[in-house]
Amino acid sequence: MSKSLWLASTSVYRQALLQKLTTDFQCAKPDVDETALPGETAAELVVRLAAAKANAVAAKLKADAIDALVIGSDQVAVFNGQILGKPHTEKRAFEQLHSFSGQSVQFLTGLAVTDTATLQTHTILDSFKVHFRQLTDAEILSYIKREQPLNCAGSFKSEGLGITLFERLEGDDPNSLIGLPLIRLHQMLKSAGMDLLLHG
């Protein structure tokens, strides 16, 4: 590849996902304020932050004359119109999961690719919905005790035991649920001149 590939994230989950496509990339932590703007929707927030993360890293690389494509991503979980935070306590995790029983949670992921040569950024919004089955209090308590999802938005890890909480998943790419929609990412990188299937 003539251009290098960078991930504007230090998330081990996003790194592991990108490694499904290629191991030839580097990571950098973007210095971005993730506070929502007044009146900003969840969808607007994740797309703006994905672009801001990619742009922040791309600007530093351009200053160092590094020719690269930079990936930025941001995700929120939404339930009843409200953005879900991390529970931090077992009590709050129980409250979140109890409210999800028989309901659905939507994950919105903003994805951005910035070319350091032009500083042009392309963005997309990916949506994925998780439908929870009817959960008993005992199941919820057991899940929280076993997996301790206290630093996960929505109080569950879909890549782990959290899969047992669901009735079905609805979306184009299950990777987007973990934070990086690989189908759309491959398409975006290919459009930017980097085909990881041929040169990964």
N, C-alpha and C. Protein backbone atom coordinates (compact mmCIF):
# COMPACT_ATOMS: atom_id res chain seq x y z
N MET A 1 0.84 -1.19 0.00
CA MET A 1 0.00 0.00 0.00
C MET A 1 0.89 1.24 0.00
N SER A 2 0.58 2.19 -0.88
CA SER A 2 1.38 3.40 -0.93
C SER A 2 1.07 4.29 0.27
N LYS A 3 -0.20 4.34 0.65
CA LYS A 3 -0.58 5.10 1.83
C LYS A 3 -0.55 4.19 3.06
N SER A 4 -0.24 4.76 4.21
CA SER A 4 -0.35 3.99 5.44
C SER A 4 -1.77 4.12 5.98
N LEU A 5 -2.15 3.19 6.83
CA LEU A 5 -3.49 3.18 7.40
C LEU A 5 -3.40 3.42 8.90
N TRP A 6 -4.22 4.34 9.38
CA TRP A 6 -4.21 4.69 10.80
C TRP A 6 -5.62 4.59 11.37
N LEU A 7 -5.70 4.15 12.61
CA LEU A 7 -6.96 4.11 13.34
C LEU A 7 -6.91 5.17 14.43
N ALA A 8 -7.84 6.11 14.36
CA ALA A 8 -7.87 7.20 15.34
C ALA A 8 -8.60 6.73 16.60
N SER A 9 -8.00 5.75 17.25
CA SER A 9 -8.61 5.16 18.44
C SER A 9 -7.57 4.29 19.14
N THR A 10 -7.67 4.19 20.45
CA THR A 10 -6.83 3.27 21.21
C THR A 10 -7.69 2.14 21.79
N SER A 11 -8.94 2.04 21.33
CA SER A 11 -9.85 0.99 21.80
C SER A 11 -9.35 -0.38 21.35
N VAL A 12 -9.17 -1.28 22.30
CA VAL A 12 -8.72 -2.63 21.94
C VAL A 12 -9.78 -3.37 21.13
N TYR A 13 -11.05 -3.01 21.34
CA TYR A 13 -12.13 -3.66 20.59
C TYR A 13 -12.08 -3.24 19.12
N ARG A 14 -11.89 -1.94 18.86
CA ARG A 14 -11.82 -1.48 17.47
C ARG A 14 -10.55 -2.01 16.79
N GLN A 15 -9.46 -2.07 17.53
CA GLN A 15 -8.22 -2.62 16.95
C GLN A 15 -8.43 -4.07 16.55
N ALA A 16 -9.07 -4.84 17.41
CA ALA A 16 -9.31 -6.26 17.12
C ALA A 16 -10.20 -6.42 15.90
N LEU A 17 -11.19 -5.55 15.75
CA LEU A 17 -12.06 -5.60 14.58
C LEU A 17 -11.29 -5.28 13.30
N LEU A 18 -10.49 -4.21 13.33
CA LEU A 18 -9.74 -3.83 12.14
C LEU A 18 -8.74 -4.91 11.75
N GLN A 19 -8.24 -5.64 12.74
CA GLN A 19 -7.29 -6.72 12.45
C GLN A 19 -7.93 -7.86 11.67
N LYS A 20 -9.28 -7.91 11.63
CA LYS A 20 -9.93 -8.89 10.77
C LYS A 20 -9.67 -8.59 9.30
N LEU A 21 -9.45 -7.28 8.98
CA LEU A 21 -9.21 -6.87 7.61
C LEU A 21 -7.72 -6.77 7.29
N THR A 22 -6.95 -6.26 8.24
CA THR A 22 -5.51 -6.08 8.03
C THR A 22 -4.80 -5.87 9.36
N THR A 23 -3.55 -6.30 9.42
CA THR A 23 -2.73 -6.01 10.61
C THR A 23 -1.77 -4.86 10.32
N ASP A 24 -1.81 -4.36 9.08
CA ASP A 24 -0.88 -3.31 8.66
C ASP A 24 -1.49 -1.93 8.90
N PHE A 25 -1.61 -1.57 10.19
CA PHE A 25 -2.12 -0.24 10.53
C PHE A 25 -1.51 0.21 11.85
N GLN A 26 -1.60 1.50 12.10
CA GLN A 26 -1.11 2.07 13.34
C GLN A 26 -2.24 2.80 14.04
N CYS A 27 -2.10 2.99 15.34
CA CYS A 27 -3.14 3.64 16.14
C CYS A 27 -2.63 4.96 16.72
N ALA A 28 -3.52 5.90 16.85
CA ALA A 28 -3.20 7.16 17.50
C ALA A 28 -4.43 7.63 18.27
N LYS A 29 -4.20 8.20 19.43
CA LYS A 29 -5.31 8.68 20.26
C LYS A 29 -5.71 10.08 19.80
N PRO A 30 -6.96 10.25 19.37
CA PRO A 30 -7.40 11.59 18.97
C PRO A 30 -7.73 12.44 20.18
N ASP A 31 -7.36 13.70 20.13
CA ASP A 31 -7.66 14.62 21.23
C ASP A 31 -8.93 15.38 20.86
N VAL A 32 -10.07 14.81 21.22
CA VAL A 32 -11.36 15.35 20.79
C VAL A 32 -12.30 15.46 21.99
N ASP A 33 -12.96 16.62 22.10
CA ASP A 33 -13.99 16.81 23.11
C ASP A 33 -15.26 16.11 22.63
N GLU A 34 -15.74 15.13 23.40
CA GLU A 34 -16.87 14.32 22.95
C GLU A 34 -18.21 14.82 23.51
N THR A 35 -18.24 16.04 24.03
CA THR A 35 -19.48 16.60 24.55
C THR A 35 -20.46 16.88 23.42
N ALA A 36 -21.70 16.50 23.62
CA ALA A 36 -22.73 16.77 22.61
C ALA A 36 -23.02 18.26 22.54
N LEU A 37 -23.33 18.74 21.35
CA LEU A 37 -23.70 20.13 21.15
C LEU A 37 -25.17 20.33 21.50
N PRO A 38 -25.57 21.54 21.86
CA PRO A 38 -26.98 21.79 22.19
C PRO A 38 -27.90 21.42 21.01
N GLY A 39 -28.91 20.62 21.28
CA GLY A 39 -29.87 20.25 20.25
C GLY A 39 -29.39 19.18 19.28
N GLU A 40 -28.19 18.66 19.50
CA GLU A 40 -27.62 17.67 18.58
C GLU A 40 -28.27 16.31 18.81
N THR A 41 -28.68 15.65 17.72
CA THR A 41 -29.25 14.31 17.83
C THR A 41 -28.13 13.29 18.01
N ALA A 42 -28.51 12.09 18.42
CA ALA A 42 -27.52 11.02 18.59
C ALA A 42 -26.82 10.72 17.27
N ALA A 43 -27.59 10.70 16.18
CA ALA A 43 -27.01 10.41 14.86
C ALA A 43 -26.02 11.50 14.45
N GLU A 44 -26.40 12.75 14.66
CA GLU A 44 -25.50 13.87 14.33
C GLU A 44 -24.24 13.83 15.18
N LEU A 45 -24.39 13.46 16.44
CA LEU A 45 -23.25 13.41 17.37
C LEU A 45 -22.20 12.40 16.91
N VAL A 46 -22.63 11.17 16.61
CA VAL A 46 -21.64 10.13 16.28
C VAL A 46 -20.93 10.41 14.95
N VAL A 47 -21.65 10.96 13.99
CA VAL A 47 -21.02 11.29 12.70
C VAL A 47 -20.02 12.43 12.89
N ARG A 48 -20.41 13.46 13.66
CA ARG A 48 -19.50 14.59 13.90
C ARG A 48 -18.25 14.14 14.64
N LEU A 49 -18.42 13.31 15.67
CA LEU A 49 -17.26 12.88 16.46
C LEU A 49 -16.35 11.94 15.67
N ALA A 50 -16.94 11.07 14.85
CA ALA A 50 -16.11 10.18 14.01
C ALA A 50 -15.23 11.01 13.10
N ALA A 51 -15.82 12.03 12.48
CA ALA A 51 -15.05 12.91 11.59
C ALA A 51 -14.01 13.70 12.36
N ALA A 52 -14.39 14.19 13.54
CA ALA A 52 -13.46 14.99 14.35
C ALA A 52 -12.25 14.16 14.77
N LYS A 53 -12.48 12.89 15.13
CA LYS A 53 -11.38 12.01 15.52
C LYS A 53 -10.43 11.75 14.35
N ALA A 54 -11.02 11.43 13.18
CA ALA A 54 -10.19 11.18 12.00
C ALA A 54 -9.42 12.43 11.60
N ASN A 55 -10.09 13.58 11.66
CA ASN A 55 -9.44 14.84 11.27
C ASN A 55 -8.31 15.22 12.22
N ALA A 56 -8.51 14.99 13.51
CA ALA A 56 -7.50 15.36 14.50
C ALA A 56 -6.20 14.60 14.26
N VAL A 57 -6.32 13.30 14.01
CA VAL A 57 -5.12 12.48 13.75
C VAL A 57 -4.54 12.80 12.38
N ALA A 58 -5.40 13.00 11.39
CA ALA A 58 -4.93 13.29 10.03
C ALA A 58 -4.14 14.59 9.98
N ALA A 59 -4.58 15.59 10.73
CA ALA A 59 -3.88 16.88 10.73
C ALA A 59 -2.45 16.73 11.27
N LYS A 60 -2.30 15.91 12.31
CA LYS A 60 -0.95 15.68 12.87
C LYS A 60 -0.07 14.92 11.89
N LEU A 61 -0.66 13.91 11.22
CA LEU A 61 0.12 13.13 10.25
C LEU A 61 0.52 13.99 9.05
N LYS A 62 -0.39 14.85 8.60
CA LYS A 62 -0.09 15.73 7.47
C LYS A 62 1.05 16.67 7.82
N ALA A 63 1.03 17.16 9.06
CA ALA A 63 2.10 18.06 9.52
C ALA A 63 3.46 17.36 9.50
N ASP A 64 3.43 16.04 9.67
CA ASP A 64 4.66 15.23 9.62
C ASP A 64 4.91 14.64 8.24
N ALA A 65 4.13 15.12 7.25
CA ALA A 65 4.26 14.68 5.85
C ALA A 65 4.07 13.17 5.68
N ILE A 66 3.12 12.63 6.45
CA ILE A 66 2.79 11.21 6.34
C ILE A 66 1.54 11.05 5.48
N ASP A 67 1.68 10.28 4.40
CA ASP A 67 0.58 10.05 3.47
C ASP A 67 -0.25 8.87 3.99
N ALA A 68 -1.47 9.15 4.42
CA ALA A 68 -2.23 8.11 5.10
C ALA A 68 -3.73 8.29 4.91
N LEU A 69 -4.44 7.20 5.18
CA LEU A 69 -5.88 7.23 5.37
C LEU A 69 -6.13 6.99 6.85
N VAL A 70 -6.98 7.82 7.43
CA VAL A 70 -7.23 7.75 8.87
C VAL A 70 -8.70 7.41 9.11
N ILE A 71 -8.92 6.39 9.95
CA ILE A 71 -10.27 5.92 10.28
C ILE A 71 -10.69 6.50 11.63
N GLY A 72 -11.86 7.11 11.65
CA GLY A 72 -12.44 7.58 12.91
C GLY A 72 -13.79 6.92 13.12
N SER A 73 -14.14 6.61 14.36
CA SER A 73 -15.42 5.96 14.64
C SER A 73 -15.93 6.40 16.00
N ASP A 74 -17.25 6.52 16.10
CA ASP A 74 -17.86 6.85 17.38
C ASP A 74 -19.21 6.15 17.44
N GLN A 75 -19.60 5.76 18.64
CA GLN A 75 -20.83 4.99 18.77
C GLN A 75 -21.60 5.39 20.03
N VAL A 76 -22.94 5.38 19.90
CA VAL A 76 -23.80 5.51 21.07
C VAL A 76 -24.90 4.47 20.99
N ALA A 77 -25.43 4.13 22.15
CA ALA A 77 -26.60 3.26 22.23
C ALA A 77 -27.78 4.13 22.64
N VAL A 78 -28.93 3.91 21.99
CA VAL A 78 -30.11 4.74 22.22
C VAL A 78 -31.29 3.87 22.62
N PHE A 79 -31.98 4.29 23.68
CA PHE A 79 -33.17 3.57 24.15
C PHE A 79 -34.25 4.59 24.49
N ASN A 80 -35.42 4.44 23.88
CA ASN A 80 -36.53 5.39 24.10
C ASN A 80 -36.10 6.84 23.88
N GLY A 81 -35.27 7.03 22.85
CA GLY A 81 -34.85 8.39 22.49
C GLY A 81 -33.72 8.96 23.34
N GLN A 82 -33.25 8.20 24.32
CA GLN A 82 -32.20 8.68 25.21
C GLN A 82 -30.88 7.94 24.96
N ILE A 83 -29.77 8.69 24.95
CA ILE A 83 -28.45 8.07 24.81
C ILE A 83 -28.10 7.37 26.12
N LEU A 84 -27.70 6.11 26.00
CA LEU A 84 -27.36 5.31 27.18
C LEU A 84 -25.92 5.56 27.61
N GLY A 85 -25.75 5.73 28.89
CA GLY A 85 -24.40 5.86 29.42
C GLY A 85 -23.91 4.53 29.99
N LYS A 86 -22.69 4.55 30.50
CA LYS A 86 -22.15 3.37 31.17
C LYS A 86 -22.72 3.31 32.59
N PRO A 87 -23.09 2.13 33.06
CA PRO A 87 -23.78 2.06 34.35
C PRO A 87 -22.87 2.34 35.56
N HIS A 88 -21.64 1.86 35.51
CA HIS A 88 -20.63 2.04 36.57
C HIS A 88 -20.95 1.29 37.88
N THR A 89 -22.22 1.03 38.16
CA THR A 89 -22.57 0.28 39.38
C THR A 89 -23.48 -0.89 38.99
N GLU A 90 -23.47 -1.93 39.82
CA GLU A 90 -24.32 -3.08 39.55
C GLU A 90 -25.80 -2.70 39.65
N LYS A 91 -26.13 -1.79 40.56
CA LYS A 91 -27.52 -1.35 40.71
C LYS A 91 -28.01 -0.68 39.42
N ARG A 92 -27.19 0.20 38.87
CA ARG A 92 -27.59 0.90 37.64
C ARG A 92 -27.63 -0.08 36.46
N ALA A 93 -26.71 -1.03 36.43
CA ALA A 93 -26.71 -2.03 35.36
C ALA A 93 -27.99 -2.84 35.40
N PHE A 94 -28.42 -3.21 36.60
CA PHE A 94 -29.67 -3.96 36.74
C PHE A 94 -30.85 -3.13 36.24
N GLU A 95 -30.87 -1.85 36.60
CA GLU A 95 -31.97 -0.98 36.18
C GLU A 95 -32.03 -0.87 34.65
N GLN A 96 -30.86 -0.72 34.02
CA GLN A 96 -30.82 -0.62 32.57
C GLN A 96 -31.34 -1.89 31.92
N LEU A 97 -30.78 -3.03 32.31
CA LEU A 97 -31.17 -4.29 31.68
C LEU A 97 -32.63 -4.65 31.96
N HIS A 98 -33.11 -4.31 33.14
CA HIS A 98 -34.51 -4.57 33.47
C HIS A 98 -35.43 -3.78 32.55
N SER A 99 -35.04 -2.54 32.25
CA SER A 99 -35.87 -1.71 31.37
C SER A 99 -35.82 -2.19 29.92
N PHE A 100 -34.74 -2.91 29.54
CA PHE A 100 -34.61 -3.40 28.17
C PHE A 100 -35.42 -4.68 27.91
N SER A 101 -35.84 -5.35 28.98
CA SER A 101 -36.52 -6.64 28.83
C SER A 101 -37.71 -6.53 27.87
N GLY A 102 -37.67 -7.32 26.80
CA GLY A 102 -38.74 -7.31 25.81
C GLY A 102 -38.73 -6.09 24.91
N GLN A 103 -37.70 -5.27 25.02
CA GLN A 103 -37.61 -4.03 24.24
C GLN A 103 -36.40 -4.11 23.29
N SER A 104 -36.17 -3.03 22.55
CA SER A 104 -35.01 -2.99 21.65
C SER A 104 -34.15 -1.77 21.92
N VAL A 105 -32.85 -1.93 21.67
CA VAL A 105 -31.87 -0.86 21.82
C VAL A 105 -31.20 -0.65 20.46
N GLN A 106 -31.07 0.60 20.06
CA GLN A 106 -30.46 0.92 18.78
C GLN A 106 -29.03 1.42 18.99
N PHE A 107 -28.11 0.87 18.20
CA PHE A 107 -26.72 1.34 18.22
C PHE A 107 -26.47 2.15 16.96
N LEU A 108 -26.00 3.37 17.14
CA LEU A 108 -25.66 4.25 16.03
C LEU A 108 -24.15 4.43 16.00
N THR A 109 -23.55 4.13 14.86
CA THR A 109 -22.11 4.24 14.72
C THR A 109 -21.77 5.20 13.59
N GLY A 110 -21.00 6.21 13.92
CA GLY A 110 -20.47 7.11 12.91
C GLY A 110 -19.11 6.60 12.46
N LEU A 111 -18.88 6.59 11.15
CA LEU A 111 -17.62 6.10 10.60
C LEU A 111 -17.08 7.15 9.65
N ALA A 112 -15.80 7.46 9.76
CA ALA A 112 -15.18 8.49 8.91
C ALA A 112 -13.83 8.02 8.41
N VAL A 113 -13.50 8.41 7.18
CA VAL A 113 -12.18 8.15 6.62
C VAL A 113 -11.65 9.48 6.07
N THR A 114 -10.48 9.89 6.56
CA THR A 114 -9.85 11.13 6.11
C THR A 114 -8.55 10.83 5.39
N ASP A 115 -8.35 11.46 4.24
CA ASP A 115 -7.12 11.33 3.45
C ASP A 115 -6.21 12.50 3.82
N THR A 116 -5.02 12.19 4.33
CA THR A 116 -4.12 13.27 4.76
C THR A 116 -3.63 14.11 3.59
N ALA A 117 -3.68 13.56 2.38
CA ALA A 117 -3.21 14.31 1.22
C ALA A 117 -4.11 15.51 0.93
N THR A 118 -5.41 15.32 1.12
CA THR A 118 -6.38 16.37 0.79
C THR A 118 -7.12 16.89 2.02
N LEU A 119 -7.04 16.15 3.13
CA LEU A 119 -7.81 16.40 4.34
C LEU A 119 -9.32 16.36 4.07
N GLN A 120 -9.70 15.65 3.01
CA GLN A 120 -11.11 15.40 2.74
C GLN A 120 -11.59 14.22 3.59
N THR A 121 -12.79 14.36 4.12
CA THR A 121 -13.35 13.33 5.00
C THR A 121 -14.67 12.83 4.45
N HIS A 122 -14.81 11.52 4.40
CA HIS A 122 -16.07 10.89 4.02
C HIS A 122 -16.65 10.20 5.25
N THR A 123 -17.95 10.38 5.47
CA THR A 123 -18.59 9.82 6.65
C THR A 123 -19.83 9.01 6.27
N ILE A 124 -20.16 8.06 7.13
CA ILE A 124 -21.43 7.33 7.00
C ILE A 124 -21.99 7.10 8.41
N LEU A 125 -23.28 6.81 8.45
CA LEU A 125 -23.94 6.45 9.71
C LEU A 125 -24.45 5.03 9.58
N ASP A 126 -24.08 4.18 10.52
CA ASP A 126 -24.52 2.79 10.52
C ASP A 126 -25.44 2.56 11.71
N SER A 127 -26.55 1.87 11.47
CA SER A 127 -27.51 1.60 12.53
C SER A 127 -27.67 0.10 12.73
N PHE A 128 -27.73 -0.31 13.98
CA PHE A 128 -27.89 -1.72 14.31
C PHE A 128 -28.82 -1.81 15.52
N LYS A 129 -29.77 -2.74 15.46
CA LYS A 129 -30.76 -2.83 16.54
C LYS A 129 -30.66 -4.20 17.23
N VAL A 130 -30.72 -4.15 18.54
CA VAL A 130 -30.70 -5.35 19.37
C VAL A 130 -32.06 -5.52 20.03
N HIS A 131 -32.69 -6.65 19.81
CA HIS A 131 -33.99 -6.94 20.43
C HIS A 131 -33.77 -7.88 21.61
N PHE A 132 -34.14 -7.42 22.80
CA PHE A 132 -33.97 -8.22 24.02
C PHE A 132 -35.18 -9.15 24.21
N ARG A 133 -34.89 -10.35 24.70
CA ARG A 133 -35.99 -11.24 25.06
C ARG A 133 -36.50 -10.83 26.44
N GLN A 134 -37.58 -11.46 26.86
CA GLN A 134 -38.09 -11.20 28.21
C GLN A 134 -37.10 -11.76 29.23
N LEU A 135 -36.58 -10.91 30.09
CA LEU A 135 -35.55 -11.32 31.04
C LEU A 135 -36.11 -11.39 32.46
N THR A 136 -35.72 -12.42 33.19
CA THR A 136 -36.09 -12.49 34.60
C THR A 136 -35.05 -11.75 35.44
N ASP A 137 -35.45 -11.34 36.63
CA ASP A 137 -34.51 -10.65 37.51
C ASP A 137 -33.30 -11.54 37.82
N ALA A 138 -33.55 -12.83 38.00
CA ALA A 138 -32.46 -13.77 38.31
C ALA A 138 -31.46 -13.83 37.15
N GLU A 139 -31.96 -13.84 35.93
CA GLU A 139 -31.07 -13.87 34.76
C GLU A 139 -30.21 -12.60 34.69
N ILE A 140 -30.86 -11.47 34.93
CA ILE A 140 -30.14 -10.20 34.88
C ILE A 140 -29.05 -10.16 35.94
N LEU A 141 -29.39 -10.54 37.16
CA LEU A 141 -28.42 -10.53 38.26
C LEU A 141 -27.26 -11.47 37.98
N SER A 142 -27.57 -12.66 37.46
CA SER A 142 -26.53 -13.63 37.14
C SER A 142 -25.61 -13.10 36.05
N TYR A 143 -26.21 -12.48 35.03
CA TYR A 143 -25.40 -11.94 33.94
C TYR A 143 -24.44 -10.86 34.45
N ILE A 144 -24.96 -9.94 35.24
CA ILE A 144 -24.12 -8.85 35.76
C ILE A 144 -22.98 -9.40 36.61
N LYS A 145 -23.30 -10.38 37.45
CA LYS A 145 -22.27 -10.98 38.32
C LYS A 145 -21.19 -11.67 37.51
N ARG A 146 -21.60 -12.37 36.45
CA ARG A 146 -20.63 -13.16 35.66
C ARG A 146 -19.78 -12.29 34.73
N GLU A 147 -20.40 -11.28 34.12
CA GLU A 147 -19.65 -10.54 33.10
C GLU A 147 -19.21 -9.14 33.54
N GLN A 148 -19.79 -8.61 34.60
CA GLN A 148 -19.41 -7.30 35.13
C GLN A 148 -19.34 -6.24 34.01
N PRO A 149 -20.46 -5.97 33.33
CA PRO A 149 -20.44 -5.04 32.20
C PRO A 149 -20.61 -3.58 32.63
N LEU A 150 -19.91 -3.18 33.67
CA LEU A 150 -20.16 -1.88 34.30
C LEU A 150 -19.57 -0.72 33.51
N ASN A 151 -18.64 -1.01 32.59
CA ASN A 151 -18.06 0.05 31.77
C ASN A 151 -18.52 -0.05 30.32
N CYS A 152 -19.67 -0.70 30.11
CA CYS A 152 -20.23 -0.86 28.76
C CYS A 152 -21.55 -0.10 28.67
N ALA A 153 -21.67 0.74 27.66
CA ALA A 153 -22.93 1.46 27.45
C ALA A 153 -24.04 0.44 27.24
N GLY A 154 -25.08 0.56 28.05
CA GLY A 154 -26.18 -0.38 27.95
C GLY A 154 -26.04 -1.58 28.86
N SER A 155 -24.93 -1.71 29.55
CA SER A 155 -24.71 -2.77 30.55
C SER A 155 -24.61 -4.18 29.98
N PHE A 156 -24.13 -4.30 28.74
CA PHE A 156 -23.93 -5.65 28.21
C PHE A 156 -22.80 -5.65 27.17
N LYS A 157 -22.21 -6.85 26.99
CA LYS A 157 -21.17 -7.05 25.98
C LYS A 157 -21.70 -8.05 24.97
N SER A 158 -22.04 -7.57 23.79
CA SER A 158 -22.63 -8.47 22.79
C SER A 158 -21.64 -9.51 22.32
N GLU A 159 -20.33 -9.22 22.43
CA GLU A 159 -19.32 -10.16 21.98
C GLU A 159 -19.05 -11.25 23.02
N GLY A 160 -19.69 -11.13 24.17
CA GLY A 160 -19.51 -12.12 25.22
C GLY A 160 -20.83 -12.79 25.59
N LEU A 161 -21.04 -12.97 26.88
CA LEU A 161 -22.23 -13.64 27.39
C LEU A 161 -23.50 -12.83 27.13
N GLY A 162 -23.35 -11.56 26.82
CA GLY A 162 -24.50 -10.70 26.54
C GLY A 162 -25.38 -11.21 25.41
N ILE A 163 -24.82 -12.03 24.53
CA ILE A 163 -25.59 -12.57 23.41
C ILE A 163 -26.77 -13.40 23.91
N THR A 164 -26.68 -13.93 25.13
CA THR A 164 -27.76 -14.75 25.68
C THR A 164 -28.98 -13.91 26.08
N LEU A 165 -28.81 -12.59 26.13
CA LEU A 165 -29.91 -11.71 26.53
C LEU A 165 -30.84 -11.37 25.37
N PHE A 166 -30.40 -11.70 24.16
CA PHE A 166 -31.10 -11.20 22.98
C PHE A 166 -32.08 -12.22 22.39
N GLU A 167 -33.12 -11.68 21.78
CA GLU A 167 -34.04 -12.48 21.00
C GLU A 167 -33.58 -12.53 19.55
N ARG A 168 -33.15 -11.36 19.03
CA ARG A 168 -32.61 -11.32 17.68
C ARG A 168 -31.84 -10.03 17.47
N LEU A 169 -31.03 -10.02 16.43
CA LEU A 169 -30.24 -8.86 16.05
C LEU A 169 -30.71 -8.39 14.68
N GLU A 170 -30.72 -7.08 14.49
CA GLU A 170 -31.22 -6.52 13.24
C GLU A 170 -30.24 -5.47 12.70
N GLY A 171 -29.57 -5.81 11.60
CA GLY A 171 -28.63 -4.87 11.01
C GLY A 171 -27.82 -5.53 9.91
N ASP A 172 -27.03 -4.72 9.21
CA ASP A 172 -26.27 -5.23 8.07
C ASP A 172 -24.95 -5.88 8.48
N ASP A 173 -24.37 -5.43 9.59
CA ASP A 173 -23.01 -5.87 9.93
C ASP A 173 -22.88 -6.01 11.44
N PRO A 174 -22.78 -7.25 11.96
CA PRO A 174 -22.68 -7.44 13.41
C PRO A 174 -21.44 -6.77 14.02
N ASN A 175 -20.42 -6.51 13.20
CA ASN A 175 -19.23 -5.83 13.72
C ASN A 175 -19.55 -4.41 14.19
N SER A 176 -20.57 -3.80 13.60
CA SER A 176 -20.92 -2.43 13.98
C SER A 176 -21.41 -2.37 15.42
N LEU A 177 -21.95 -3.47 15.90
CA LEU A 177 -22.43 -3.54 17.28
C LEU A 177 -21.27 -3.38 18.26
N ILE A 178 -20.08 -3.81 17.86
CA ILE A 178 -18.90 -3.72 18.72
C ILE A 178 -18.15 -2.41 18.49
N GLY A 179 -18.46 -1.71 17.40
CA GLY A 179 -17.89 -0.37 17.26
C GLY A 179 -17.19 -0.04 15.96
N LEU A 180 -17.17 -0.97 14.98
CA LEU A 180 -16.52 -0.66 13.71
C LEU A 180 -17.20 -1.45 12.59
N PRO A 181 -18.05 -0.80 11.80
CA PRO A 181 -18.76 -1.50 10.72
C PRO A 181 -17.79 -1.87 9.58
N LEU A 182 -17.33 -3.10 9.54
CA LEU A 182 -16.27 -3.50 8.61
C LEU A 182 -16.72 -3.54 7.16
N ILE A 183 -17.98 -3.88 6.91
CA ILE A 183 -18.46 -3.93 5.52
C ILE A 183 -18.38 -2.54 4.90
N ARG A 184 -18.93 -1.56 5.61
CA ARG A 184 -18.91 -0.19 5.10
C ARG A 184 -17.50 0.37 5.09
N LEU A 185 -16.69 0.02 6.09
CA LEU A 185 -15.32 0.51 6.13
C LEU A 185 -14.53 0.03 4.92
N HIS A 186 -14.65 -1.25 4.59
CA HIS A 186 -13.93 -1.77 3.42
C HIS A 186 -14.35 -1.03 2.16
N GLN A 187 -15.64 -0.75 2.03
CA GLN A 187 -16.13 -0.01 0.87
C GLN A 187 -15.54 1.39 0.81
N MET A 188 -15.48 2.06 1.95
CA MET A 188 -14.96 3.42 2.01
C MET A 188 -13.46 3.47 1.69
N LEU A 189 -12.71 2.51 2.24
CA LEU A 189 -11.27 2.46 1.97
C LEU A 189 -11.01 2.14 0.49
N LYS A 190 -11.82 1.23 -0.06
CA LYS A 190 -11.66 0.88 -1.47
C LYS A 190 -11.93 2.09 -2.36
N SER A 191 -12.95 2.87 -2.02
CA SER A 191 -13.26 4.09 -2.78
C SER A 191 -12.12 5.11 -2.68
N ALA A 192 -11.39 5.06 -1.57
CA ALA A 192 -10.27 5.98 -1.37
C ALA A 192 -8.97 5.43 -1.96
N GLY A 193 -9.05 4.26 -2.62
CA GLY A 193 -7.89 3.72 -3.30
C GLY A 193 -7.13 2.65 -2.53
N MET A 194 -7.69 2.17 -1.43
CA MET A 194 -7.02 1.14 -0.63
C MET A 194 -7.92 -0.08 -0.52
N ASP A 195 -7.62 -1.12 -1.31
CA ASP A 195 -8.41 -2.35 -1.29
C ASP A 195 -7.71 -3.37 -0.41
N LEU A 196 -8.23 -3.53 0.83
CA LEU A 196 -7.57 -4.41 1.80
C LEU A 196 -7.69 -5.87 1.41
N LEU A 197 -8.62 -6.22 0.56
CA LEU A 197 -8.72 -7.60 0.11
C LEU A 197 -7.55 -7.96 -0.79
N LEU A 198 -7.07 -6.98 -1.54
CA LEU A 198 -5.94 -7.23 -2.44
C LEU A 198 -4.59 -6.93 -1.81
N HIS A 199 -4.59 -5.98 -0.85
CA HIS A 199 -3.31 -5.54 -0.30
C HIS A 199 -3.30 -5.48 1.22
N GLY A 200 -4.11 -6.32 1.86
CA GLY A 200 -4.19 -6.27 3.33
C GLY A 200 -3.04 -6.97 3.99
